[in-house]
């Protein structure tokens, strides 16, 4: 499970992300449903995106969108 937002990292009131998990496996040939668990806590801070990077990101999103539309059209025709 995870959460994103203000105070979500459970460490401070800043914007953050938190994810907690459990894992299982085999111990001496027996399946164990809950061996251990863990947390990942991240602080998120706003950062400015340099102008060329923003342009390239926009171009990549547009290209991906057009390819997705083309693929959907091909499925309808095919």
PDB file of N, CA and C in Angstrom:
ATOM      1  N   UNK A   1       0.839  -1.179   0.000  1.00  0.00           N
ATOM      2  CA  UNK A   1       0.000   0.000   0.000  1.00  0.00           C
ATOM      3  C   UNK A   1       0.876   1.232   0.000  1.00  0.00           C
ATOM      4  N   UNK A   2       0.309   2.333  -0.448  1.00  0.00           N
ATOM      5  CA  UNK A   2       1.070   3.563  -0.473  1.00  0.00           C
ATOM      6  C   UNK A   2       0.174   4.776  -0.374  1.00  0.00           C
ATOM      7  N   UNK A   3       0.803   5.897  -0.114  1.00  0.00           N
ATOM      8  CA  UNK A   3       0.072   7.158  -0.067  1.00  0.00           C
ATOM      9  C   UNK A   3       0.976   8.285  -0.524  1.00  0.00           C
ATOM     10  N   UNK A   4       0.351   9.343  -1.044  1.00  0.00           N
ATOM     11  CA  UNK A   4       1.057  10.493  -1.579  1.00  0.00           C
ATOM     12  C   UNK A   4       0.332  11.747  -1.120  1.00  0.00           C
ATOM     13  N   UNK A   5       1.066  12.740  -0.611  1.00  0.00           N
ATOM     14  CA  UNK A   5       0.444  13.993  -0.201  1.00  0.00           C
ATOM     15  C   UNK A   5       1.195  14.650   0.943  1.00  0.00           C
ATOM     16  N   UNK A   6       0.561  15.663   1.536  1.00  0.00           N
ATOM     17  CA  UNK A   6       1.159  16.355   2.675  1.00  0.00           C
ATOM     18  C   UNK A   6       1.226  15.415   3.871  1.00  0.00           C
ATOM     19  N   UNK A   7       2.375  15.327   4.496  1.00  0.00           N
ATOM     20  CA  UNK A   7       2.631  14.467   5.662  1.00  0.00           C
ATOM     21  C   UNK A   7       2.444  12.983   5.363  1.00  0.00           C
ATOM     22  N   UNK A   8       2.430  12.611   4.096  1.00  0.00           N
ATOM     23  CA  UNK A   8       2.216  11.210   3.728  1.00  0.00           C
ATOM     24  C   UNK A   8       3.402  10.323   4.070  1.00  0.00           C
ATOM     25  N   UNK A   9       4.597  10.908   4.204  1.00  0.00           N
ATOM     26  CA  UNK A   9       5.773  10.093   4.509  1.00  0.00           C
ATOM     27  C   UNK A   9       5.886   9.765   5.989  1.00  0.00           C
ATOM     28  N   UNK A  10       4.972  10.283   6.800  1.00  0.00           N
ATOM     29  CA  UNK A  10       4.908  10.006   8.238  1.00  0.00           C
ATOM     30  C   UNK A  10       6.184  10.427   8.977  1.00  0.00           C
ATOM     31  N   UNK A  11       6.966  11.321   8.385  1.00  0.00           N
ATOM     32  CA  UNK A  11       8.195  11.814   9.026  1.00  0.00           C
ATOM     33  C   UNK A  11       8.126  13.308   9.306  1.00  0.00           C
ATOM     34  N   UNK A  12       7.403  14.063   8.443  1.00  0.00           N
ATOM     35  CA  UNK A  12       7.233  15.505   8.621  1.00  0.00           C
ATOM     36  C   UNK A  12       5.954  15.937   7.906  1.00  0.00           C
ATOM     37  N   UNK A  13       5.658  17.220   7.922  1.00  0.00           N
ATOM     38  CA  UNK A  13       4.409  17.702   7.323  1.00  0.00           C
ATOM     39  C   UNK A  13       4.584  18.137   5.870  1.00  0.00           C
ATOM     40  N   UNK A  14       5.744  17.902   5.299  1.00  0.00           N
ATOM     41  CA  UNK A  14       6.007  18.276   3.911  1.00  0.00           C
ATOM     42  C   UNK A  14       5.340  17.295   2.954  1.00  0.00           C
ATOM     43  N   UNK A  15       5.353  17.668   1.677  1.00  0.00           N
ATOM     44  CA  UNK A  15       4.849  16.785   0.636  1.00  0.00           C
ATOM     45  C   UNK A  15       5.726  15.542   0.617  1.00  0.00           C
ATOM     46  N   UNK A  16       5.105  14.376   0.562  1.00  0.00           N
ATOM     47  CA  UNK A  16       5.891  13.154   0.593  1.00  0.00           C
ATOM     48  C   UNK A  16       5.148  11.965   0.039  1.00  0.00           C
ATOM     49  N   UNK A  17       5.823  10.850   0.052  1.00  0.00           N
ATOM     50  CA  UNK A  17       5.290   9.579  -0.428  1.00  0.00           C
ATOM     51  C   UNK A  17       5.719   8.512   0.561  1.00  0.00           C
ATOM     52  N   UNK A  18       4.833   7.580   0.834  1.00  0.00           N
ATOM     53  CA  UNK A  18       5.150   6.483   1.736  1.00  0.00           C
ATOM     54  C   UNK A  18       4.604   5.195   1.144  1.00  0.00           C
ATOM     55  N   UNK A  19       5.359   4.138   1.247  1.00  0.00           N
ATOM     56  CA  UNK A  19       4.948   2.834   0.735  1.00  0.00           C
ATOM     57  C   UNK A  19       5.362   1.786   1.753  1.00  0.00           C
ATOM     58  N   UNK A  20       4.456   0.893   2.100  1.00  0.00           N
ATOM     59  CA  UNK A  20       4.792  -0.177   3.033  1.00  0.00           C
ATOM     60  C   UNK A  20       4.417  -1.505   2.404  1.00  0.00           C
ATOM     61  N   UNK A  21       5.185  -2.519   2.733  1.00  0.00           N
ATOM     62  CA  UNK A  21       5.012  -3.807   2.069  1.00  0.00           C
ATOM     63  C   UNK A  21       5.360  -4.945   3.011  1.00  0.00           C
ATOM     64  N   UNK A  22       4.880  -6.105   2.686  1.00  0.00           N
ATOM     65  CA  UNK A  22       5.246  -7.342   3.363  1.00  0.00           C
ATOM     66  C   UNK A  22       5.682  -8.340   2.306  1.00  0.00           C
ATOM     67  N   UNK A  23       6.486  -9.277   2.676  1.00  0.00           N
ATOM     68  CA  UNK A  23       6.891 -10.279   1.700  1.00  0.00           C
ATOM     69  C   UNK A  23       6.889 -11.653   2.335  1.00  0.00           C
ATOM     70  N   UNK A  24       6.812 -12.658   1.476  1.00  0.00           N
ATOM     71  CA  UNK A  24       6.729 -14.044   1.936  1.00  0.00           C
ATOM     72  C   UNK A  24       7.673 -14.895   1.102  1.00  0.00           C
ATOM     73  N   UNK A  25       7.749 -16.186   1.440  1.00  0.00           N
ATOM     74  CA  UNK A  25       8.633 -17.071   0.700  1.00  0.00           C
ATOM     75  C   UNK A  25       8.663 -18.460   1.294  1.00  0.00           C
ATOM     76  N   UNK A  26       9.698 -19.202   0.948  1.00  0.00           N
ATOM     77  CA  UNK A  26       9.872 -20.568   1.434  1.00  0.00           C
ATOM     78  C   UNK A  26      10.956 -20.612   2.501  1.00  0.00           C
ATOM     79  N   UNK A  27      10.676 -21.309   3.599  1.00  0.00           N
ATOM     80  CA  UNK A  27      11.650 -21.545   4.653  1.00  0.00           C
ATOM     81  C   UNK A  27      11.654 -23.040   4.921  1.00  0.00           C
ATOM     82  N   UNK A  28      12.794 -23.688   4.664  1.00  0.00           N
ATOM     83  CA  UNK A  28      12.908 -25.142   4.822  1.00  0.00           C
ATOM     84  C   UNK A  28      11.799 -25.883   4.087  1.00  0.00           C
ATOM     85  N   UNK A  29      11.487 -25.405   2.869  1.00  0.00           N
ATOM     86  CA  UNK A  29      10.477 -26.060   2.047  1.00  0.00           C
ATOM     87  C   UNK A  29       9.041 -25.732   2.415  1.00  0.00           C
ATOM     88  N   UNK A  30       8.827 -24.946   3.443  1.00  0.00           N
ATOM     89  CA  UNK A  30       7.476 -24.565   3.875  1.00  0.00           C
ATOM     90  C   UNK A  30       7.184 -23.127   3.432  1.00  0.00           C
ATOM     91  N   UNK A  31       5.980 -22.914   2.912  1.00  0.00           N
ATOM     92  CA  UNK A  31       5.572 -21.567   2.537  1.00  0.00           C
ATOM     93  C   UNK A  31       5.260 -20.760   3.784  1.00  0.00           C
ATOM     94  N   UNK A  32       5.899 -19.615   3.899  1.00  0.00           N
ATOM     95  CA  UNK A  32       5.656 -18.704   5.016  1.00  0.00           C
ATOM     96  C   UNK A  32       4.964 -17.474   4.432  1.00  0.00           C
ATOM     97  N   UNK A  33       3.788 -17.142   4.961  1.00  0.00           N
ATOM     98  CA  UNK A  33       3.007 -16.059   4.363  1.00  0.00           C
ATOM     99  C   UNK A  33       3.487 -14.671   4.750  1.00  0.00           C
ATOM    100  N   UNK A  34       4.145 -14.527   5.894  1.00  0.00           N
ATOM    101  CA  UNK A  34       4.614 -13.196   6.286  1.00  0.00           C
ATOM    102  C   UNK A  34       5.968 -13.336   6.982  1.00  0.00           C
ATOM    103  N   UNK A  35       7.035 -13.168   6.203  1.00  0.00           N
ATOM    104  CA  UNK A  35       8.374 -13.260   6.778  1.00  0.00           C
ATOM    105  C   UNK A  35       8.750 -11.937   7.434  1.00  0.00           C
ATOM    106  N   UNK A  36       8.540 -10.842   6.719  1.00  0.00           N
ATOM    107  CA  UNK A  36       8.952  -9.538   7.229  1.00  0.00           C
ATOM    108  C   UNK A  36       8.201  -8.453   6.482  1.00  0.00           C
ATOM    109  N   UNK A  37       8.361  -7.227   6.900  1.00  0.00           N
ATOM    110  CA  UNK A  37       7.757  -6.104   6.199  1.00  0.00           C
ATOM    111  C   UNK A  37       8.708  -4.926   6.225  1.00  0.00           C
ATOM    112  N   UNK A  38       8.377  -3.912   5.455  1.00  0.00           N
ATOM    113  CA  UNK A  38       9.248  -2.746   5.399  1.00  0.00           C
ATOM    114  C   UNK A  38       8.497  -1.514   4.950  1.00  0.00           C
ATOM    115  N   UNK A  39       9.153  -0.383   5.054  1.00  0.00           N
ATOM    116  CA  UNK A  39       8.595   0.909   4.665  1.00  0.00           C
ATOM    117  C   UNK A  39       9.582   1.639   3.772  1.00  0.00           C
ATOM    118  N   UNK A  40       9.045   2.409   2.855  1.00  0.00           N
ATOM    119  CA  UNK A  40       9.837   3.351   2.069  1.00  0.00           C
ATOM    120  C   UNK A  40       9.192   4.710   2.276  1.00  0.00           C
ATOM    121  N   UNK A  41       9.945   5.678   2.770  1.00  0.00           N
ATOM    122  CA  UNK A  41       9.444   7.029   3.021  1.00  0.00           C
ATOM    123  C   UNK A  41      10.275   8.017   2.214  1.00  0.00           C
ATOM    124  N   UNK A  42       9.599   8.887   1.460  1.00  0.00           N
ATOM    125  CA  UNK A  42      10.283   9.804   0.557  1.00  0.00           C
ATOM    126  C   UNK A  42       9.762  11.221   0.768  1.00  0.00           C
ATOM    127  N   UNK A  43      10.662  12.189   0.865  1.00  0.00           N
ATOM    128  CA  UNK A  43      10.293  13.604   0.840  1.00  0.00           C
ATOM    129  C   UNK A  43      10.264  14.051  -0.612  1.00  0.00           C
ATOM    130  N   UNK A  44       9.226  14.759  -1.007  1.00  0.00           N
ATOM    131  CA  UNK A  44       9.123  15.277  -2.370  1.00  0.00           C
ATOM    132  C   UNK A  44       9.244  16.793  -2.323  1.00  0.00           C
ATOM    133  N   UNK A  45      10.106  17.336  -3.155  1.00  0.00           N
ATOM    134  CA  UNK A  45      10.298  18.781  -3.207  1.00  0.00           C
ATOM    135  C   UNK A  45      10.110  19.253  -4.644  1.00  0.00           C
ATOM    136  N   UNK A  46       9.526  20.412  -4.789  1.00  0.00           N
ATOM    137  CA  UNK A  46       9.336  20.984  -6.120  1.00  0.00           C
ATOM    138  C   UNK A  46      10.688  21.368  -6.705  1.00  0.00           C
ATOM    139  N   UNK A  47      10.837  21.132  -7.977  1.00  0.00           N
ATOM    140  CA  UNK A  47      12.065  21.508  -8.670  1.00  0.00           C
ATOM    141  C   UNK A  47      11.685  22.086 -10.024  1.00  0.00           C
ATOM    142  N   UNK A  48      12.387  23.097 -10.446  1.00  0.00           N
ATOM    143  CA  UNK A  48      12.094  23.675 -11.754  1.00  0.00           C
ATOM    144  C   UNK A  48      12.662  22.769 -12.838  1.00  0.00           C
ATOM    145  N   UNK A  49      11.945  22.689 -13.940  1.00  0.00           N
ATOM    146  CA  UNK A  49      12.381  21.869 -15.069  1.00  0.00           C
ATOM    147  C   UNK A  49      13.000  22.806 -16.100  1.00  0.00           C
ATOM    148  N   UNK A  50      14.254  22.561 -16.498  1.00  0.00           N
ATOM    149  CA  UNK A  50      14.880  23.423 -17.502  1.00  0.00           C
ATOM    150  C   UNK A  50      14.062  23.438 -18.795  1.00  0.00           C
ATOM    151  N   UNK A  51      14.049  24.554 -19.482  1.00  0.00           N
ATOM    152  CA  UNK A  51      13.228  24.763 -20.669  1.00  0.00           C
ATOM    153  C   UNK A  51      13.392  23.660 -21.724  1.00  0.00           C
ATOM    154  N   UNK A  52      14.616  23.268 -22.128  1.00  0.00           N
ATOM    155  CA  UNK A  52      14.728  22.205 -23.140  1.00  0.00           C
ATOM    156  C   UNK A  52      14.111  20.882 -22.675  1.00  0.00           C
ATOM    157  N   UNK A  53      14.247  20.560 -21.418  1.00  0.00           N
ATOM    158  CA  UNK A  53      13.693  19.303 -20.910  1.00  0.00           C
ATOM    159  C   UNK A  53      12.181  19.303 -20.994  1.00  0.00           C
ATOM    160  N   UNK A  54      11.558  20.425 -20.671  1.00  0.00           N
ATOM    161  CA  UNK A  54      10.108  20.527 -20.727  1.00  0.00           C
ATOM    162  C   UNK A  54       9.614  20.358 -22.161  1.00  0.00           C
ATOM    163  N   UNK A  55      10.317  20.953 -23.106  1.00  0.00           N
ATOM    164  CA  UNK A  55       9.950  20.809 -24.516  1.00  0.00           C
ATOM    165  C   UNK A  55      10.071  19.375 -24.988  1.00  0.00           C
ATOM    166  N   UNK A  56      11.158  18.707 -24.617  1.00  0.00           N
ATOM    167  CA  UNK A  56      11.346  17.312 -25.010  1.00  0.00           C
ATOM    168  C   UNK A  56      10.311  16.405 -24.363  1.00  0.00           C
ATOM    169  N   UNK A  57       9.980  16.665 -23.115  1.00  0.00           N
ATOM    170  CA  UNK A  57       8.956  15.883 -22.437  1.00  0.00           C
ATOM    171  C   UNK A  57       7.610  16.054 -23.130  1.00  0.00           C
ATOM    172  N   UNK A  58       7.266  17.284 -23.481  1.00  0.00           N
ATOM    173  CA  UNK A  58       6.009  17.548 -24.188  1.00  0.00           C
ATOM    174  C   UNK A  58       5.979  16.820 -25.522  1.00  0.00           C
ATOM    175  N   UNK A  59       7.077  16.865 -26.255  1.00  0.00           N
ATOM    176  CA  UNK A  59       7.160  16.179 -27.540  1.00  0.00           C
ATOM    177  C   UNK A  59       6.990  14.674 -27.367  1.00  0.00           C
ATOM    178  N   UNK A  60       7.608  14.103 -26.353  1.00  0.00           N
ATOM    179  CA  UNK A  60       7.492  12.664 -26.102  1.00  0.00           C
ATOM    180  C   UNK A  60       6.056  12.284 -25.759  1.00  0.00           C
ATOM    181  N   UNK A  61       5.382  13.097 -24.954  1.00  0.00           N
ATOM    182  CA  UNK A  61       3.991  12.809 -24.587  1.00  0.00           C
ATOM    183  C   UNK A  61       3.097  12.880 -25.818  1.00  0.00           C
ATOM    184  N   UNK A  62       3.280  13.903 -26.650  1.00  0.00           N
ATOM    185  CA  UNK A  62       2.469  14.030 -27.865  1.00  0.00           C
ATOM    186  C   UNK A  62       2.712  12.870 -28.820  1.00  0.00           C
ATOM    187  N   UNK A  63       3.973  12.501 -29.009  1.00  0.00           N
ATOM    188  CA  UNK A  63       4.302  11.377 -29.890  1.00  0.00           C
ATOM    189  C   UNK A  63       3.666  10.090 -29.389  1.00  0.00           C
ATOM    190  N   UNK A  64       3.774   9.840 -28.097  1.00  0.00           N
ATOM    191  CA  UNK A  64       3.157   8.646 -27.520  1.00  0.00           C
ATOM    192  C   UNK A  64       1.653   8.649 -27.684  1.00  0.00           C
ATOM    193  N   UNK A  65       1.028   9.808 -27.531  1.00  0.00           N
ATOM    194  CA  UNK A  65      -0.426   9.912 -27.679  1.00  0.00           C
ATOM    195  C   UNK A  65      -0.844   9.608 -29.110  1.00  0.00           C
ATOM    196  N   UNK A  66      -0.126  10.162 -30.087  1.00  0.00           N
ATOM    197  CA  UNK A  66      -0.458   9.902 -31.481  1.00  0.00           C
ATOM    198  C   UNK A  66      -0.267   8.428 -31.835  1.00  0.00           C
ATOM    199  N   UNK A  67       0.787   7.811 -31.327  1.00  0.00           N
ATOM    200  CA  UNK A  67       1.009   6.389 -31.593  1.00  0.00           C
ATOM    201  C   UNK A  67      -0.098   5.541 -30.986  1.00  0.00           C
ATOM    202  N   UNK A  68      -0.548   5.898 -29.794  1.00  0.00           N
ATOM    203  CA  UNK A  68      -1.637   5.169 -29.148  1.00  0.00           C
ATOM    204  C   UNK A  68      -2.919   5.296 -29.961  1.00  0.00           C
ATOM    205  N   UNK A  69      -3.233   6.500 -30.438  1.00  0.00           N
ATOM    206  CA  UNK A  69      -4.423   6.693 -31.268  1.00  0.00           C
ATOM    207  C   UNK A  69      -4.329   5.893 -32.562  1.00  0.00           C
ATOM    208  N   UNK A  70      -3.152   5.889 -33.179  1.00  0.00           N
ATOM    209  CA  UNK A  70      -2.956   5.140 -34.420  1.00  0.00           C
ATOM    210  C   UNK A  70      -3.152   3.646 -34.181  1.00  0.00           C
ATOM    211  N   UNK A  71      -2.634   3.134 -33.064  1.00  0.00           N
ATOM    212  CA  UNK A  71      -2.775   1.724 -32.731  1.00  0.00           C
ATOM    213  C   UNK A  71      -4.252   1.361 -32.525  1.00  0.00           C
ATOM    214  N   UNK A  72      -5.013   2.245 -31.871  1.00  0.00           N
ATOM    215  CA  UNK A  72      -6.441   2.000 -31.662  1.00  0.00           C
ATOM    216  C   UNK A  72      -7.182   1.973 -32.991  1.00  0.00           C
ATOM    217  N   UNK A  73      -6.833   2.888 -33.916  1.00  0.00           N
ATOM    218  CA  UNK A  73      -7.461   2.908 -35.233  1.00  0.00           C
ATOM    219  C   UNK A  73      -7.149   1.631 -35.999  1.00  0.00           C
ATOM    220  N   UNK A  74      -5.911   1.154 -35.919  1.00  0.00           N
ATOM    221  CA  UNK A  74      -5.523  -0.072 -36.611  1.00  0.00           C
ATOM    222  C   UNK A  74      -6.287  -1.270 -36.074  1.00  0.00           C
ATOM    223  N   UNK A  75      -6.542  -1.309 -34.769  1.00  0.00           N
ATOM    224  CA  UNK A  75      -7.315  -2.405 -34.181  1.00  0.00           C
ATOM    225  C   UNK A  75      -8.746  -2.385 -34.692  1.00  0.00           C
ATOM    226  N   UNK A  76      -9.336  -1.182 -34.808  1.00  0.00           N
ATOM    227  CA  UNK A  76     -10.709  -1.069 -35.305  1.00  0.00           C
ATOM    228  C   UNK A  76     -10.803  -1.516 -36.752  1.00  0.00           C
ATOM    229  N   UNK A  77      -9.804  -1.169 -37.562  1.00  0.00           N
ATOM    230  CA  UNK A  77      -9.815  -1.516 -38.978  1.00  0.00           C
ATOM    231  C   UNK A  77      -9.479  -2.981 -39.209  1.00  0.00           C
ATOM    232  N   UNK A  78      -8.651  -3.536 -38.341  1.00  0.00           N
ATOM    233  CA  UNK A  78      -8.131  -4.886 -38.520  1.00  0.00           C
ATOM    234  C   UNK A  78      -9.066  -5.898 -38.054  1.00  0.00           C
TER     235      UNK A  78
END
